[in-house]
């Protein structure tokens, strides 16, 4: 008789993308007959608690990352917050030893939480960032990130290992010291064929504050003049789901995965950030989209530019966006052209966590990164 394993799933709370792309991982753990335990903080934890109300959840130290109000100030602000981020990484790393012992954890899946590693049990990290774009400091930011990735048993990359792919050069490097597993398109959604279109535009707002709120206000102001029907999802995970309608816009503070899938299915086009998880969701749903990268976020700018250069989807910078640009979407192939079914998550989980290494070193009571 197979003994159920306790697998800790720990997404970073930086926007909602890290949490939402863990949903298919959590479902696969459950399908395998094992027990997922969720660990995160803030809205990422709240979202997963709403998706899986029956599962055990654990609060982790917060990275407490805030975006700058202006995109050109983002890198400077993140540099100033680096000591706070490192302290959070050390704090979660120290907390992991207690979590393992208290909850009898057999394995860890971290989505970009860099301190969730140990030699005691198998630990893997989900990340597509084998290169971390930061302008003229890209080499340094990449090396810092790889320093932590190498502490994990494996790096699971939600992308294709061949090109054309979603990330271009971001998810590839020649470092043989990292065990890489390419998962293909990782999404909480399942494509169910063409559905009746109810809305002309679906506006999906996401990302850390204050840029999320800035983006929300800009699009609400512009879309009120749009001639078609607009479904607006603000991306604010609150205690109660709310909906109201004003003019041509139907506004939700947030939707569950089931509700959001229906919203995407019933919308002709999608207007959103070029966040990596959003892109994968729209690939899985075979949609046409227009992207507006978060100002100052080099990766989102690169991803949007890469998709446009491949003829997949158009984009514009936030300060340049105008409603008439949505007319360009028809000239592009759409995101369904990049779909990659990838590997079996169930088989991957079974292979990775089939046994605990009994010869692993115990975790000392005090750890540092």
Protein backbone atom coordinates (compact mmCIF):
# COMPACT_ATOMS: atom_id res chain seq x y z
CA UNK A 1 0.00 0.00 0.00
CA UNK A 2 1.42 3.37 -1.06
CA UNK A 3 1.98 5.85 1.76
CA UNK A 4 0.81 9.40 1.04
CA UNK A 5 3.51 12.03 0.97
CA UNK A 6 3.25 15.57 2.34
CA UNK A 7 4.45 17.99 -0.34
CA UNK A 8 4.97 21.65 0.57
CA UNK A 9 4.04 24.06 -2.25
CA UNK A 10 5.44 27.55 -1.66
CA UNK A 11 4.81 30.28 -4.27
CA UNK A 12 6.28 33.77 -4.06
CA UNK A 13 3.80 36.55 -3.26
CA UNK A 14 4.73 38.95 -6.08
CA UNK A 15 1.57 39.55 -8.04
CA UNK A 16 -0.66 36.49 -8.33
CA UNK A 17 1.06 34.63 -11.15
CA UNK A 18 3.33 32.48 -8.99
CA UNK A 19 0.33 31.32 -6.97
CA UNK A 20 -1.99 30.65 -9.91
CA UNK A 21 0.54 28.57 -11.84
CA UNK A 22 0.94 26.39 -8.74
CA UNK A 23 -2.74 25.42 -9.00
CA UNK A 24 -2.15 22.65 -11.61
CA UNK A 25 0.79 21.41 -9.50
CA UNK A 26 -1.42 21.19 -6.41
CA UNK A 27 -4.14 19.42 -8.39
CA UNK A 28 -1.61 16.88 -9.67
CA UNK A 29 -0.34 16.20 -6.14
CA UNK A 30 -3.91 15.51 -5.03
CA UNK A 31 -4.52 13.27 -8.07
CA UNK A 32 -1.46 11.24 -7.10
CA UNK A 33 -3.00 10.57 -3.70
CA UNK A 34 -0.55 12.80 -1.86
CA UNK A 35 -1.14 15.74 0.48
CA UNK A 36 -0.22 19.26 -0.69
CA UNK A 37 0.44 21.80 2.05
CA UNK A 38 0.48 25.43 0.91
CA UNK A 39 2.94 27.99 2.27
CA UNK A 40 3.06 31.64 1.23
CA UNK A 41 1.92 35.08 2.40
CA UNK A 42 -0.34 37.97 1.44
CA UNK A 43 -2.66 37.79 -1.55
CA UNK A 44 -0.92 34.71 -2.99
CA UNK A 45 -1.83 32.76 0.14
CA UNK A 46 -5.34 34.21 0.21
CA UNK A 47 -5.96 33.18 -3.39
CA UNK A 48 -4.82 29.59 -2.82
CA UNK A 49 -6.85 29.36 0.40
CA UNK A 50 -9.92 30.29 -1.64
CA UNK A 51 -9.05 27.78 -4.38
CA UNK A 52 -8.32 24.95 -1.92
CA UNK A 53 -10.23 25.70 1.29
CA UNK A 54 -9.78 22.13 2.55
CA UNK A 55 -5.95 22.21 2.46
CA UNK A 56 -3.55 23.07 5.27
CA UNK A 57 -1.88 26.48 4.77
CA UNK A 58 1.15 28.05 6.45
CA UNK A 59 2.19 31.69 6.57
CA UNK A 60 5.73 32.52 5.47
CA UNK A 61 7.82 35.68 5.96
CA UNK A 62 6.87 38.35 3.44
CA UNK A 63 9.32 39.71 0.87
CA UNK A 64 7.12 42.84 1.09
CA UNK A 65 8.05 43.98 -2.42
CA UNK A 66 6.47 47.21 -3.67
CA UNK A 67 6.82 48.63 -7.15
CA UNK A 68 7.80 52.21 -7.78
CA UNK A 69 5.07 54.58 -8.91
CA UNK A 70 7.15 55.37 -12.00
CA UNK A 71 8.69 52.63 -14.10
CA UNK A 72 12.05 54.35 -14.47
CA UNK A 73 12.46 54.24 -10.68
CA UNK A 74 11.76 50.52 -10.33
CA UNK A 75 15.34 49.23 -10.46
CA UNK A 76 16.55 51.79 -7.94
CA UNK A 77 13.68 50.95 -5.59
CA UNK A 78 14.38 47.21 -5.85
CA UNK A 79 18.08 47.81 -5.18
CA UNK A 80 17.18 49.74 -2.04
CA UNK A 81 14.91 46.88 -0.95
CA UNK A 82 17.57 44.21 -1.55
CA UNK A 83 18.54 43.91 2.15
CA UNK A 84 14.86 43.43 3.05
CA UNK A 85 14.51 40.72 0.39
CA UNK A 86 17.65 38.92 1.59
CA UNK A 87 16.36 39.03 5.16
CA UNK A 88 13.10 37.45 4.01
CA UNK A 89 14.99 34.71 2.15
CA UNK A 90 17.00 33.93 5.29
CA UNK A 91 13.86 33.99 7.44
CA UNK A 92 11.93 31.57 5.22
CA UNK A 93 15.00 29.33 4.96
CA UNK A 94 15.17 29.14 8.74
CA UNK A 95 11.41 28.60 9.02
CA UNK A 96 11.57 25.66 6.59
CA UNK A 97 13.37 23.40 9.07
CA UNK A 98 10.59 23.88 11.63
CA UNK A 99 7.88 23.36 8.98
CA UNK A 100 9.47 20.09 7.82
CA UNK A 101 9.57 18.67 11.34
CA UNK A 102 6.14 19.95 12.42
CA UNK A 103 4.23 18.85 9.31
CA UNK A 104 6.38 15.82 8.35
CA UNK A 105 7.15 17.25 4.91
CA UNK A 106 8.54 14.80 2.33
CA UNK A 107 9.31 17.29 -0.44
CA UNK A 108 9.23 20.98 -1.34
CA UNK A 109 8.11 22.74 -4.51
CA UNK A 110 9.08 26.40 -4.41
CA UNK A 111 7.89 28.85 -7.02
CA UNK A 112 10.64 31.48 -6.87
CA UNK A 113 10.86 31.51 -3.06
CA UNK A 114 14.63 31.35 -2.97
CA UNK A 115 15.05 30.26 0.65
CA UNK A 116 12.89 27.13 0.48
CA UNK A 117 15.71 24.62 0.06
CA UNK A 118 17.39 22.04 2.30
CA UNK A 119 19.55 18.92 2.01
CA UNK A 120 17.13 16.98 4.19
CA UNK A 121 14.42 16.25 1.57
CA UNK A 122 14.02 16.77 -2.21
CA UNK A 123 13.44 20.45 -3.01
CA UNK A 124 12.69 21.80 -6.48
CA UNK A 125 12.20 25.36 -7.68
CA UNK A 126 9.82 26.49 -10.42
CA UNK A 127 11.37 29.31 -12.42
CA UNK A 128 11.70 30.36 -16.04
CA UNK A 129 14.35 32.92 -15.12
CA UNK A 130 17.66 31.34 -16.00
CA UNK A 131 18.46 34.84 -17.17
CA UNK A 132 17.10 37.73 -15.09
CA UNK A 133 16.79 40.90 -17.16
CA UNK A 134 17.64 44.13 -15.32
CA UNK A 135 19.14 46.39 -17.97
CA UNK A 136 22.86 47.02 -17.56
CA UNK A 137 22.93 44.85 -14.41
CA UNK A 138 21.51 41.72 -16.11
CA UNK A 139 24.70 39.69 -15.60
CA UNK A 140 24.72 40.43 -11.86
CA UNK A 141 20.99 39.79 -11.30
CA UNK A 142 21.28 36.53 -13.26
CA UNK A 143 24.23 35.28 -11.22
CA UNK A 144 22.50 36.12 -7.93
CA UNK A 145 19.41 34.21 -9.00
CA UNK A 146 21.38 31.21 -10.25
CA UNK A 147 23.26 31.14 -6.92
CA UNK A 148 19.98 30.19 -5.23
CA UNK A 149 18.61 27.98 -8.02
CA UNK A 150 21.70 25.77 -7.70
CA UNK A 151 20.77 25.02 -4.08
CA UNK A 152 17.69 23.08 -5.28
CA UNK A 153 17.63 19.50 -6.56
CA UNK A 154 16.00 20.54 -9.84
CA UNK A 155 14.70 23.59 -11.65
CA UNK A 156 11.28 23.07 -13.24
CA UNK A 157 10.88 25.45 -16.18
CA UNK A 158 7.35 26.19 -17.41
CA UNK A 159 8.26 26.56 -21.07
CA UNK A 160 9.30 24.52 -24.09
CA UNK A 161 12.89 23.31 -24.37
CA UNK A 162 12.88 24.09 -28.11
CA UNK A 163 12.15 27.28 -30.00
CA UNK A 164 9.89 29.00 -30.83
CA UNK A 165 9.01 29.23 -27.17
CA UNK A 166 7.45 31.78 -24.81
CA UNK A 167 10.52 33.16 -23.12
CA UNK A 168 13.02 33.39 -25.96
CA UNK A 169 16.45 33.32 -24.33
CA UNK A 170 15.29 33.74 -20.71
CA UNK A 171 14.72 30.07 -19.88
CA UNK A 172 17.91 28.69 -21.43
CA UNK A 173 21.55 28.64 -20.43
CA UNK A 174 24.51 26.28 -20.73
CA UNK A 175 25.05 25.72 -17.00
CA UNK A 176 25.21 21.93 -16.59
CA UNK A 177 25.27 22.22 -12.79
CA UNK A 178 21.50 22.90 -12.87
CA UNK A 179 19.16 19.94 -13.50
CA UNK A 180 16.51 21.44 -15.78
CA UNK A 181 13.05 20.00 -16.47
CA UNK A 182 10.97 21.77 -19.12
CA UNK A 183 7.28 21.43 -18.25
CA UNK A 184 5.70 23.00 -21.33
CA UNK A 185 2.71 25.32 -20.90
CA UNK A 186 1.73 25.38 -17.21
CA UNK A 187 -1.77 26.73 -16.61
CA UNK A 188 -4.67 26.27 -14.21
CA UNK A 189 -7.09 26.32 -17.17
CA UNK A 190 -8.30 23.63 -19.58
CA UNK A 191 -9.30 24.46 -23.14
CA UNK A 192 -12.88 23.36 -23.80
CA UNK A 193 -13.36 24.49 -27.38
CA UNK A 194 -14.96 27.60 -28.78
CA UNK A 195 -17.64 29.20 -26.59
CA UNK A 196 -20.26 31.83 -27.30
CA UNK A 197 -18.71 35.29 -27.06
CA UNK A 198 -20.44 37.60 -24.57
CA UNK A 199 -17.82 40.33 -24.14
CA UNK A 200 -15.74 42.21 -26.70
CA UNK A 201 -12.83 42.89 -24.32
CA UNK A 202 -11.68 41.23 -21.13
CA UNK A 203 -9.40 43.52 -19.09
CA UNK A 204 -7.29 41.54 -16.61
CA UNK A 205 -5.48 43.65 -14.01
CA UNK A 206 -2.61 42.09 -12.07
CA UNK A 207 0.72 42.72 -10.42
CA UNK A 208 2.12 44.29 -7.25
CA UNK A 209 1.05 47.67 -5.92
CA UNK A 210 1.09 50.52 -6.67
CA UNK A 211 1.31 49.62 -10.36
CA UNK A 212 -1.77 47.39 -10.19
CA UNK A 213 -3.93 50.31 -9.01
CA UNK A 214 -2.37 52.73 -11.52
CA UNK A 215 -3.12 50.27 -14.34
CA UNK A 216 -6.68 49.73 -13.11
CA UNK A 217 -7.46 53.45 -13.04
CA UNK A 218 -5.97 54.06 -16.49
CA UNK A 219 -7.90 51.24 -18.18
CA UNK A 220 -11.19 52.05 -16.44
CA UNK A 221 -10.88 55.62 -17.68
CA UNK A 222 -10.09 54.56 -21.25
CA UNK A 223 -12.47 51.61 -21.57
CA UNK A 224 -15.53 53.61 -20.55
CA UNK A 225 -15.41 55.02 -24.08
CA UNK A 226 -15.04 51.62 -25.77
CA UNK A 227 -18.00 50.90 -28.07
CA UNK A 228 -18.28 47.22 -27.10
CA UNK A 229 -18.99 45.26 -23.92
CA UNK A 230 -16.12 45.11 -21.42
CA UNK A 231 -15.54 42.61 -18.61
CA UNK A 232 -13.11 44.11 -16.08
CA UNK A 233 -11.30 41.93 -13.49
CA UNK A 234 -9.41 44.14 -11.03
CA UNK A 235 -7.18 41.43 -9.53
CA UNK A 236 -7.90 42.42 -5.90
CA UNK A 237 -8.30 39.29 -3.77
CA UNK A 238 -10.69 40.39 -1.02
CA UNK A 239 -12.84 38.63 1.56
CA UNK A 240 -15.97 38.91 -0.58
CA UNK A 241 -16.32 38.74 -4.34
CA UNK A 242 -18.13 41.81 -5.66
CA UNK A 243 -19.56 42.75 -9.04
CA UNK A 244 -21.16 45.91 -10.36
CA UNK A 245 -22.00 47.32 -13.74
CA UNK A 246 -21.53 50.85 -15.02
CA UNK A 247 -22.22 51.69 -18.65
CA UNK A 248 -20.49 49.19 -20.90
CA UNK A 249 -18.23 47.80 -18.12
CA UNK A 250 -19.00 44.85 -15.85
CA UNK A 251 -16.53 45.07 -12.94
CA UNK A 252 -15.36 42.24 -10.65
CA UNK A 253 -12.82 42.69 -7.87
CA UNK A 254 -11.57 39.15 -8.57
CA UNK A 255 -12.73 35.77 -9.87
CA UNK A 256 -11.93 32.20 -8.87
CA UNK A 257 -10.20 29.97 -11.40
CA UNK A 258 -13.55 28.57 -12.54
CA UNK A 259 -15.02 32.04 -12.99
CA UNK A 260 -11.95 33.39 -14.73
CA UNK A 261 -11.86 30.50 -17.19
CA UNK A 262 -15.46 31.27 -18.15
CA UNK A 263 -14.60 34.97 -18.48
CA UNK A 264 -11.72 34.22 -20.85
CA UNK A 265 -13.79 31.75 -22.87
CA UNK A 266 -16.60 34.26 -23.37
CA UNK A 267 -14.38 37.19 -24.38
CA UNK A 268 -13.26 37.99 -27.91
CA UNK A 269 -9.91 39.53 -26.95
CA UNK A 270 -7.92 39.97 -23.73
CA UNK A 271 -6.12 43.12 -22.58
CA UNK A 272 -3.57 42.53 -19.81
CA UNK A 273 -0.01 42.69 -18.53
CA UNK A 274 2.60 40.56 -20.25
CA UNK A 275 3.23 38.64 -17.04
CA UNK A 276 4.55 35.16 -17.68
CA UNK A 277 1.69 33.28 -16.05
CA UNK A 278 -0.92 35.41 -17.84
CA UNK A 279 0.74 34.58 -21.15
CA UNK A 280 0.70 30.85 -20.38
CA UNK A 281 -2.97 30.99 -19.38
CA UNK A 282 -3.89 32.69 -22.64
CA UNK A 283 -1.80 30.21 -24.64
CA UNK A 284 -3.71 27.35 -22.99
CA UNK A 285 -7.01 29.08 -23.79
CA UNK A 286 -5.90 29.82 -27.40
CA UNK A 287 -6.82 33.50 -27.18
CA UNK A 288 -5.86 36.68 -28.97
CA UNK A 289 -4.49 39.38 -26.72
CA UNK A 290 -2.98 42.84 -26.43
CA UNK A 291 -0.23 43.28 -23.84
CA UNK A 292 0.80 46.30 -21.76
CA UNK A 293 3.99 45.51 -19.78
CA UNK A 294 4.39 46.77 -16.23
CA UNK A 295 6.51 49.95 -16.52
CA UNK A 296 10.13 49.32 -15.66
CA UNK A 297 9.82 45.53 -15.55
CA UNK A 298 12.42 44.42 -18.06
CA UNK A 299 11.15 40.84 -18.32
CA UNK A 300 7.57 41.82 -19.19
CA UNK A 301 8.85 44.30 -21.77
CA UNK A 302 11.06 41.60 -23.30
CA UNK A 303 8.28 38.97 -23.35
CA UNK A 304 5.83 41.37 -25.01
CA UNK A 305 8.41 42.42 -27.60
CA UNK A 306 9.36 38.78 -28.26
CA UNK A 307 5.73 37.78 -28.87
CA UNK A 308 5.16 40.74 -31.18
CA UNK A 309 8.33 39.96 -33.18
CA UNK A 310 7.03 36.40 -33.71
CA UNK A 311 3.69 37.74 -34.98
CA UNK A 312 1.82 36.31 -31.97
CA UNK A 313 0.38 39.40 -30.23
CA UNK A 314 0.83 43.21 -30.28
CA UNK A 315 1.82 45.36 -27.31
CA UNK A 316 2.26 48.97 -26.22
CA UNK A 317 3.93 50.72 -23.33
CA UNK A 318 1.51 51.90 -20.66
CA UNK A 319 2.01 55.60 -21.35
CA UNK A 320 1.48 55.09 -25.10
CA UNK A 321 -1.59 52.83 -25.06
CA UNK A 322 -4.72 54.03 -26.85
CA UNK A 323 -7.96 52.13 -27.47
CA UNK A 324 -7.61 52.18 -31.26
CA UNK A 325 -4.51 50.00 -30.90
CA UNK A 326 -6.77 47.05 -30.13
CA UNK A 327 -7.67 46.97 -33.82
CA UNK A 328 -4.17 45.57 -34.49
CA UNK A 329 -4.95 42.26 -32.79
CA UNK A 330 -6.52 40.79 -35.91
CA UNK A 331 -3.19 41.02 -37.72
CA UNK A 332 -1.51 38.58 -35.30
CA UNK A 333 -1.65 34.78 -35.08
CA UNK A 334 -2.79 34.59 -31.45
CA UNK A 335 -1.33 32.77 -28.49
CA UNK A 336 -2.75 29.34 -29.31
CA UNK A 337 0.02 28.93 -31.89
CA UNK A 338 2.55 28.47 -29.04
CA UNK A 339 0.77 25.74 -27.09
CA UNK A 340 3.02 22.95 -25.77
CA UNK A 341 1.31 20.16 -23.79
CA UNK A 342 4.59 19.40 -22.05
CA UNK A 343 5.21 16.48 -19.74
CA UNK A 344 2.97 14.64 -17.29
CA UNK A 345 2.98 16.48 -13.97
CA UNK A 346 1.74 13.35 -12.24
CA UNK A 347 4.69 11.29 -13.48
CA UNK A 348 7.15 14.07 -12.71
CA UNK A 349 5.91 14.37 -9.13
CA UNK A 350 6.07 10.64 -8.61
CA UNK A 351 9.60 10.45 -10.00
CA UNK A 352 10.88 13.43 -7.99
CA UNK A 353 9.36 12.55 -4.63
CA UNK A 354 9.23 8.75 -4.84
CA UNK A 355 11.48 8.40 -1.81
CA UNK A 356 13.16 10.52 0.81
CA UNK A 357 16.96 10.41 0.91
CA UNK A 358 17.63 8.76 4.25
CA UNK A 359 21.29 9.77 4.13
CA UNK A 360 20.54 13.48 3.85
CA UNK A 361 22.11 15.77 6.37
CA UNK A 362 19.79 16.96 9.17
CA UNK A 363 19.00 20.64 9.22
CA UNK A 364 20.83 22.53 11.95
CA UNK A 365 18.77 24.76 14.21
CA UNK A 366 20.33 27.91 12.79
CA UNK A 367 20.79 28.35 9.05
CA UNK A 368 22.04 31.17 6.90
CA UNK A 369 22.04 31.85 3.17
